[in-house]
PDB file of all heavy atoms in Angstrom:
ATOM      1  N   MET A   1       4.945 -15.984   2.405  1.00  0.00           N
ATOM      2  CA  MET A   1       3.779 -16.367   3.182  1.00  0.00           C
ATOM      3  C   MET A   1       3.609 -15.336   4.293  1.00  0.00           C
ATOM      4  O   MET A   1       4.292 -15.382   5.311  1.00  0.00           O
ATOM      5  CB  MET A   1       3.956 -17.764   3.779  1.00  0.00           C
ATOM      6  CG  MET A   1       2.748 -18.246   4.572  1.00  0.00           C
ATOM      7  SD  MET A   1       1.303 -18.563   3.527  1.00  0.00           S
ATOM      8  CE  MET A   1       1.838 -20.064   2.692  1.00  0.00           C
ATOM      9  N   LEU A   2       2.703 -14.384   4.068  1.00  0.00           N
ATOM     10  CA  LEU A   2       2.442 -13.364   5.082  1.00  0.00           C
ATOM     11  C   LEU A   2       1.413 -13.875   6.081  1.00  0.00           C
ATOM     12  O   LEU A   2       0.438 -14.521   5.697  1.00  0.00           O
ATOM     13  CB  LEU A   2       1.937 -12.079   4.431  1.00  0.00           C
ATOM     14  CG  LEU A   2       2.858 -11.399   3.410  1.00  0.00           C
ATOM     15  CD1 LEU A   2       2.214 -10.129   2.877  1.00  0.00           C
ATOM     16  CD2 LEU A   2       4.208 -11.091   4.026  1.00  0.00           C
ATOM     17  N   ASN A   3       1.638 -13.569   7.326  1.00  0.00           N
ATOM     18  CA  ASN A   3       0.711 -13.959   8.390  1.00  0.00           C
ATOM     19  C   ASN A   3       0.469 -12.749   9.283  1.00  0.00           C
ATOM     20  O   ASN A   3       1.006 -12.655  10.394  1.00  0.00           O
ATOM     21  CB  ASN A   3       1.289 -15.133   9.187  1.00  0.00           C
ATOM     22  CG  ASN A   3       0.323 -15.649  10.235  1.00  0.00           C
ATOM     23  OD1 ASN A   3      -0.899 -15.490  10.098  1.00  0.00           O
ATOM     24  ND2 ASN A   3       0.859 -16.237  11.290  1.00  0.00           N
ATOM     25  N   PRO A   4      -0.332 -11.780   8.815  1.00  0.00           N
ATOM     26  CA  PRO A   4      -0.525 -10.536   9.575  1.00  0.00           C
ATOM     27  C   PRO A   4      -1.115 -10.789  10.956  1.00  0.00           C
ATOM     28  O   PRO A   4      -2.027 -11.606  11.121  1.00  0.00           O
ATOM     29  CB  PRO A   4      -1.497  -9.735   8.691  1.00  0.00           C
ATOM     30  CG  PRO A   4      -1.356 -10.321   7.323  1.00  0.00           C
ATOM     31  CD  PRO A   4      -1.067 -11.775   7.544  1.00  0.00           C
ATOM     32  N   ASN A   5      -0.602 -10.087  11.936  1.00  0.00           N
ATOM     33  CA  ASN A   5      -1.112 -10.145  13.304  1.00  0.00           C
ATOM     34  C   ASN A   5      -2.360  -9.269  13.379  1.00  0.00           C
ATOM     35  O   ASN A   5      -2.265  -8.048  13.261  1.00  0.00           O
ATOM     36  CB  ASN A   5      -0.038  -9.633  14.265  1.00  0.00           C
ATOM     37  CG  ASN A   5      -0.487  -9.641  15.712  1.00  0.00           C
ATOM     38  OD1 ASN A   5      -1.658  -9.851  16.022  1.00  0.00           O
ATOM     39  ND2 ASN A   5       0.447  -9.403  16.615  1.00  0.00           N
ATOM     40  N   PRO A   6      -3.548  -9.845  13.578  1.00  0.00           N
ATOM     41  CA  PRO A   6      -4.780  -9.050  13.555  1.00  0.00           C
ATOM     42  C   PRO A   6      -4.865  -8.012  14.670  1.00  0.00           C
ATOM     43  O   PRO A   6      -5.646  -7.067  14.575  1.00  0.00           O
ATOM     44  CB  PRO A   6      -5.889 -10.104  13.695  1.00  0.00           C
ATOM     45  CG  PRO A   6      -5.226 -11.273  14.350  1.00  0.00           C
ATOM     46  CD  PRO A   6      -3.810 -11.270  13.834  1.00  0.00           C
ATOM     47  N   ASP A   7      -4.061  -8.176  15.716  1.00  0.00           N
ATOM     48  CA  ASP A   7      -4.054  -7.172  16.781  1.00  0.00           C
ATOM     49  C   ASP A   7      -3.326  -5.900  16.364  1.00  0.00           C
ATOM     50  O   ASP A   7      -3.485  -4.854  16.987  1.00  0.00           O
ATOM     51  CB  ASP A   7      -3.397  -7.734  18.048  1.00  0.00           C
ATOM     52  CG  ASP A   7      -4.260  -8.800  18.711  1.00  0.00           C
ATOM     53  OD1 ASP A   7      -5.499  -8.705  18.612  1.00  0.00           O
ATOM     54  OD2 ASP A   7      -3.688  -9.727  19.318  1.00  0.00           O
ATOM     55  N   GLU A   8      -2.512  -6.007  15.306  1.00  0.00           N
ATOM     56  CA  GLU A   8      -1.735  -4.856  14.867  1.00  0.00           C
ATOM     57  C   GLU A   8      -2.035  -4.434  13.435  1.00  0.00           C
ATOM     58  O   GLU A   8      -1.893  -3.254  13.098  1.00  0.00           O
ATOM     59  CB  GLU A   8      -0.240  -5.156  14.989  1.00  0.00           C
ATOM     60  CG  GLU A   8       0.235  -5.431  16.405  1.00  0.00           C
ATOM     61  CD  GLU A   8       1.735  -5.412  16.522  1.00  0.00           C
ATOM     62  OE1 GLU A   8       2.352  -4.400  16.158  1.00  0.00           O
ATOM     63  OE2 GLU A   8       2.298  -6.421  16.969  1.00  0.00           O
ATOM     64  N   VAL A   9      -2.433  -5.386  12.599  1.00  0.00           N
ATOM     65  CA  VAL A   9      -2.600  -5.117  11.166  1.00  0.00           C
ATOM     66  C   VAL A   9      -3.999  -5.507  10.722  1.00  0.00           C
ATOM     67  O   VAL A   9      -4.419  -6.651  10.892  1.00  0.00           O
ATOM     68  CB  VAL A   9      -1.551  -5.893  10.341  1.00  0.00           C
ATOM     69  CG1 VAL A   9      -1.767  -5.670   8.844  1.00  0.00           C
ATOM     70  CG2 VAL A   9      -0.142  -5.481  10.750  1.00  0.00           C
ATOM     71  N   GLU A  10      -4.708  -4.550  10.157  1.00  0.00           N
ATOM     72  CA  GLU A  10      -6.059  -4.812   9.660  1.00  0.00           C
ATOM     73  C   GLU A  10      -6.041  -5.273   8.205  1.00  0.00           C
ATOM     74  O   GLU A  10      -6.876  -6.060   7.780  1.00  0.00           O
ATOM     75  CB  GLU A  10      -6.895  -3.541   9.795  1.00  0.00           C
ATOM     76  CG  GLU A  10      -8.363  -3.713   9.446  1.00  0.00           C
ATOM     77  CD  GLU A  10      -9.187  -2.524   9.893  1.00  0.00           C
ATOM     78  OE1 GLU A  10      -9.122  -2.174  11.095  1.00  0.00           O
ATOM     79  OE2 GLU A  10      -9.876  -1.949   9.043  1.00  0.00           O
ATOM     80  N   GLU A  11      -5.086  -4.760   7.439  1.00  0.00           N
ATOM     81  CA  GLU A  11      -5.039  -5.070   6.007  1.00  0.00           C
ATOM     82  C   GLU A  11      -3.616  -4.876   5.503  1.00  0.00           C
ATOM     83  O   GLU A  11      -2.865  -4.046   6.022  1.00  0.00           O
ATOM     84  CB  GLU A  11      -5.995  -4.142   5.238  1.00  0.00           C
ATOM     85  CG  GLU A  11      -6.075  -4.398   3.739  1.00  0.00           C
ATOM     86  CD  GLU A  11      -6.995  -3.408   3.038  1.00  0.00           C
ATOM     87  OE1 GLU A  11      -7.862  -2.817   3.720  1.00  0.00           O
ATOM     88  OE2 GLU A  11      -6.828  -3.219   1.818  1.00  0.00           O
ATOM     89  N   VAL A  12      -3.241  -5.657   4.494  1.00  0.00           N
ATOM     90  CA  VAL A  12      -1.976  -5.488   3.786  1.00  0.00           C
ATOM     91  C   VAL A  12      -2.303  -5.211   2.326  1.00  0.00           C
ATOM     92  O   VAL A  12      -3.149  -5.886   1.738  1.00  0.00           O
ATOM     93  CB  VAL A  12      -1.096  -6.755   3.898  1.00  0.00           C
ATOM     94  CG1 VAL A  12       0.203  -6.577   3.108  1.00  0.00           C
ATOM     95  CG2 VAL A  12      -0.799  -7.078   5.355  1.00  0.00           C
ATOM     96  N   PHE A  13      -1.679  -4.197   1.751  1.00  0.00           N
ATOM     97  CA  PHE A  13      -1.919  -3.909   0.335  1.00  0.00           C
ATOM     98  C   PHE A  13      -0.637  -3.379  -0.288  1.00  0.00           C
ATOM     99  O   PHE A  13       0.297  -2.969   0.404  1.00  0.00           O
ATOM    100  CB  PHE A  13      -3.074  -2.917   0.142  1.00  0.00           C
ATOM    101  CG  PHE A  13      -2.796  -1.521   0.631  1.00  0.00           C
ATOM    102  CD1 PHE A  13      -2.393  -0.518  -0.246  1.00  0.00           C
ATOM    103  CD2 PHE A  13      -2.967  -1.192   1.978  1.00  0.00           C
ATOM    104  CE1 PHE A  13      -2.154   0.762   0.202  1.00  0.00           C
ATOM    105  CE2 PHE A  13      -2.735   0.095   2.434  1.00  0.00           C
ATOM    106  CZ  PHE A  13      -2.330   1.081   1.542  1.00  0.00           C
ATOM    107  N   THR A  14      -0.596  -3.412  -1.617  1.00  0.00           N
ATOM    108  CA  THR A  14       0.568  -2.911  -2.335  1.00  0.00           C
ATOM    109  C   THR A  14       0.139  -1.814  -3.302  1.00  0.00           C
ATOM    110  O   THR A  14      -1.003  -1.776  -3.756  1.00  0.00           O
ATOM    111  CB  THR A  14       1.278  -4.021  -3.136  1.00  0.00           C
ATOM    112  OG1 THR A  14       0.386  -4.547  -4.119  1.00  0.00           O
ATOM    113  CG2 THR A  14       1.759  -5.138  -2.220  1.00  0.00           C
ATOM    114  N   LEU A  15       1.077  -0.923  -3.584  1.00  0.00           N
ATOM    115  CA  LEU A  15       0.903   0.072  -4.635  1.00  0.00           C
ATOM    116  C   LEU A  15       2.095  -0.041  -5.574  1.00  0.00           C
ATOM    117  O   LEU A  15       3.248   0.050  -5.127  1.00  0.00           O
ATOM    118  CB  LEU A  15       0.843   1.487  -4.051  1.00  0.00           C
ATOM    119  CG  LEU A  15      -0.435   1.860  -3.304  1.00  0.00           C
ATOM    120  CD1 LEU A  15      -0.277   3.218  -2.631  1.00  0.00           C
ATOM    121  CD2 LEU A  15      -1.626   1.893  -4.264  1.00  0.00           C
ATOM    122  N   PRO A  16       1.856  -0.244  -6.864  1.00  0.00           N
ATOM    123  CA  PRO A  16       2.973  -0.314  -7.808  1.00  0.00           C
ATOM    124  C   PRO A  16       3.753   0.994  -7.819  1.00  0.00           C
ATOM    125  O   PRO A  16       3.181   2.082  -7.675  1.00  0.00           O
ATOM    126  CB  PRO A  16       2.282  -0.549  -9.163  1.00  0.00           C
ATOM    127  CG  PRO A  16       0.940  -1.113  -8.819  1.00  0.00           C
ATOM    128  CD  PRO A  16       0.550  -0.473  -7.520  1.00  0.00           C
ATOM    129  N   LEU A  17       5.053   0.906  -7.997  1.00  0.00           N
ATOM    130  CA  LEU A  17       5.860   2.121  -8.078  1.00  0.00           C
ATOM    131  C   LEU A  17       5.411   2.982  -9.258  1.00  0.00           C
ATOM    132  O   LEU A  17       5.443   4.214  -9.182  1.00  0.00           O
ATOM    133  CB  LEU A  17       7.338   1.757  -8.213  1.00  0.00           C
ATOM    134  CG  LEU A  17       7.950   1.033  -7.007  1.00  0.00           C
ATOM    135  CD1 LEU A  17       9.427   0.747  -7.255  1.00  0.00           C
ATOM    136  CD2 LEU A  17       7.775   1.829  -5.727  1.00  0.00           C
ATOM    137  N   ALA A  18       4.971   2.334 -10.341  1.00  0.00           N
ATOM    138  CA  ALA A  18       4.475   3.097 -11.494  1.00  0.00           C
ATOM    139  C   ALA A  18       3.271   3.944 -11.106  1.00  0.00           C
ATOM    140  O   ALA A  18       3.110   5.076 -11.565  1.00  0.00           O
ATOM    141  CB  ALA A  18       4.112   2.149 -12.642  1.00  0.00           C
ATOM    142  N   HIS A  19       2.396   3.404 -10.268  1.00  0.00           N
ATOM    143  CA  HIS A  19       1.234   4.145  -9.783  1.00  0.00           C
ATOM    144  C   HIS A  19       1.680   5.343  -8.948  1.00  0.00           C
ATOM    145  O   HIS A  19       1.187   6.463  -9.135  1.00  0.00           O
ATOM    146  CB  HIS A  19       0.367   3.207  -8.938  1.00  0.00           C
ATOM    147  CG  HIS A  19      -0.782   3.876  -8.241  1.00  0.00           C
ATOM    148  ND1 HIS A  19      -2.039   3.947  -8.783  1.00  0.00           N
ATOM    149  CD2 HIS A  19      -0.842   4.503  -7.035  1.00  0.00           C
ATOM    150  CE1 HIS A  19      -2.839   4.608  -7.944  1.00  0.00           C
ATOM    151  NE2 HIS A  19      -2.132   4.956  -6.882  1.00  0.00           N
ATOM    152  N   LEU A  20       2.619   5.127  -8.043  1.00  0.00           N
ATOM    153  CA  LEU A  20       3.085   6.200  -7.167  1.00  0.00           C
ATOM    154  C   LEU A  20       3.820   7.290  -7.937  1.00  0.00           C
ATOM    155  O   LEU A  20       3.830   8.454  -7.516  1.00  0.00           O
ATOM    156  CB  LEU A  20       3.995   5.621  -6.088  1.00  0.00           C
ATOM    157  CG  LEU A  20       3.316   4.696  -5.068  1.00  0.00           C
ATOM    158  CD1 LEU A  20       4.351   3.913  -4.274  1.00  0.00           C
ATOM    159  CD2 LEU A  20       2.405   5.484  -4.129  1.00  0.00           C
ATOM    160  N   LEU A  21       4.427   6.937  -9.056  1.00  0.00           N
ATOM    161  CA  LEU A  21       5.199   7.893  -9.842  1.00  0.00           C
ATOM    162  C   LEU A  21       4.343   8.706 -10.818  1.00  0.00           C
ATOM    163  O   LEU A  21       4.842   9.662 -11.407  1.00  0.00           O
ATOM    164  CB  LEU A  21       6.317   7.173 -10.609  1.00  0.00           C
ATOM    165  CG  LEU A  21       7.493   6.703  -9.751  1.00  0.00           C
ATOM    166  CD1 LEU A  21       8.371   5.739 -10.541  1.00  0.00           C
ATOM    167  CD2 LEU A  21       8.317   7.896  -9.269  1.00  0.00           C
ATOM    168  N   ARG A  22       3.092   8.330 -10.993  1.00  0.00           N
ATOM    169  CA  ARG A  22       2.221   9.095 -11.895  1.00  0.00           C
ATOM    170  C   ARG A  22       1.738  10.356 -11.186  1.00  0.00           C
ATOM    171  O   ARG A  22       1.223  10.310 -10.074  1.00  0.00           O
ATOM    172  CB  ARG A  22       1.015   8.251 -12.310  1.00  0.00           C
ATOM    173  CG  ARG A  22       1.356   7.102 -13.235  1.00  0.00           C
ATOM    174  CD  ARG A  22       0.086   6.568 -13.903  1.00  0.00           C
ATOM    175  NE  ARG A  22       0.369   5.391 -14.673  1.00  0.00           N
ATOM    176  CZ  ARG A  22      -0.026   4.152 -14.376  1.00  0.00           C
ATOM    177  NH1 ARG A  22      -0.769   3.963 -13.293  1.00  0.00           N
ATOM    178  NH2 ARG A  22       0.284   3.134 -15.145  1.00  0.00           N
ATOM    179  N   GLU A  23       1.847  11.481 -11.875  1.00  0.00           N
ATOM    180  CA  GLU A  23       1.482  12.759 -11.261  1.00  0.00           C
ATOM    181  C   GLU A  23       0.020  12.812 -10.851  1.00  0.00           C
ATOM    182  O   GLU A  23      -0.322  13.456  -9.860  1.00  0.00           O
ATOM    183  CB  GLU A  23       1.808  13.918 -12.211  1.00  0.00           C
ATOM    184  CG  GLU A  23       3.306  14.185 -12.335  1.00  0.00           C
ATOM    185  CD  GLU A  23       3.591  15.489 -13.041  1.00  0.00           C
ATOM    186  OE1 GLU A  23       2.655  16.288 -13.233  1.00  0.00           O
ATOM    187  OE2 GLU A  23       4.762  15.711 -13.402  1.00  0.00           O
ATOM    188  N   GLU A  24      -0.851  12.133 -11.604  1.00  0.00           N
ATOM    189  CA  GLU A  24      -2.270  12.191 -11.259  1.00  0.00           C
ATOM    190  C   GLU A  24      -2.575  11.478  -9.942  1.00  0.00           C
ATOM    191  O   GLU A  24      -3.658  11.655  -9.372  1.00  0.00           O
ATOM    192  CB  GLU A  24      -3.130  11.601 -12.384  1.00  0.00           C
ATOM    193  CG  GLU A  24      -2.860  10.143 -12.697  1.00  0.00           C
ATOM    194  CD  GLU A  24      -1.887   9.950 -13.846  1.00  0.00           C
ATOM    195  OE1 GLU A  24      -0.994  10.820 -14.018  1.00  0.00           O
ATOM    196  OE2 GLU A  24      -2.028   8.952 -14.569  1.00  0.00           O
ATOM    197  N   ASN A  25      -1.631  10.670  -9.458  1.00  0.00           N
ATOM    198  CA  ASN A  25      -1.815   9.978  -8.174  1.00  0.00           C
ATOM    199  C   ASN A  25      -1.068  10.651  -7.030  1.00  0.00           C
ATOM    200  O   ASN A  25      -1.033  10.125  -5.923  1.00  0.00           O
ATOM    201  CB  ASN A  25      -1.355   8.522  -8.305  1.00  0.00           C
ATOM    202  CG  ASN A  25      -2.151   7.762  -9.338  1.00  0.00           C
ATOM    203  OD1 ASN A  25      -3.349   7.991  -9.496  1.00  0.00           O
ATOM    204  ND2 ASN A  25      -1.503   6.856 -10.055  1.00  0.00           N
ATOM    205  N   GLN A  26      -0.483  11.805  -7.323  1.00  0.00           N
ATOM    206  CA  GLN A  26       0.277  12.554  -6.320  1.00  0.00           C
ATOM    207  C   GLN A  26      -0.465  13.831  -5.948  1.00  0.00           C
ATOM    208  O   GLN A  26      -0.963  14.535  -6.825  1.00  0.00           O
ATOM    209  CB  GLN A  26       1.664  12.917  -6.866  1.00  0.00           C
ATOM    210  CG  GLN A  26       2.497  11.715  -7.276  1.00  0.00           C
ATOM    211  CD  GLN A  26       3.703  12.110  -8.113  1.00  0.00           C
ATOM    212  OE1 GLN A  26       4.008  13.295  -8.270  1.00  0.00           O
ATOM    213  NE2 GLN A  26       4.388  11.127  -8.657  1.00  0.00           N
ATOM    214  N   GLY A  27      -0.540  14.100  -4.681  1.00  0.00           N
ATOM    215  CA  GLY A  27      -1.165  15.332  -4.223  1.00  0.00           C
ATOM    216  C   GLY A  27      -0.338  15.942  -3.112  1.00  0.00           C
ATOM    217  O   GLY A  27       0.770  15.487  -2.813  1.00  0.00           O
ATOM    218  N   TYR A  28      -0.849  16.984  -2.522  1.00  0.00           N
ATOM    219  CA  TYR A  28      -0.159  17.634  -1.416  1.00  0.00           C
ATOM    220  C   TYR A  28      -1.176  18.386  -0.581  1.00  0.00           C
ATOM    221  O   TYR A  28      -2.285  18.685  -1.024  1.00  0.00           O
ATOM    222  CB  TYR A  28       0.928  18.587  -1.918  1.00  0.00           C
ATOM    223  CG  TYR A  28       0.432  19.637  -2.884  1.00  0.00           C
ATOM    224  CD1 TYR A  28      -0.079  20.850  -2.417  1.00  0.00           C
ATOM    225  CD2 TYR A  28       0.472  19.417  -4.252  1.00  0.00           C
ATOM    226  CE1 TYR A  28      -0.550  21.813  -3.302  1.00  0.00           C
ATOM    227  CE2 TYR A  28       0.009  20.370  -5.140  1.00  0.00           C
ATOM    228  CZ  TYR A  28      -0.492  21.564  -4.661  1.00  0.00           C
ATOM    229  OH  TYR A  28      -0.965  22.512  -5.534  1.00  0.00           O
TER     230      TYR A  28
END
C-alpha cells in the first residue's frame, strides 16, 4: 500500500528489468 507524499513525489512508476535490459531502450 503506497501512500506517496505529494509534497515530494508527483508520480510513482515501474520499469520491468526486461525493458531496461533491452538494447533498444538503452542510450547514452
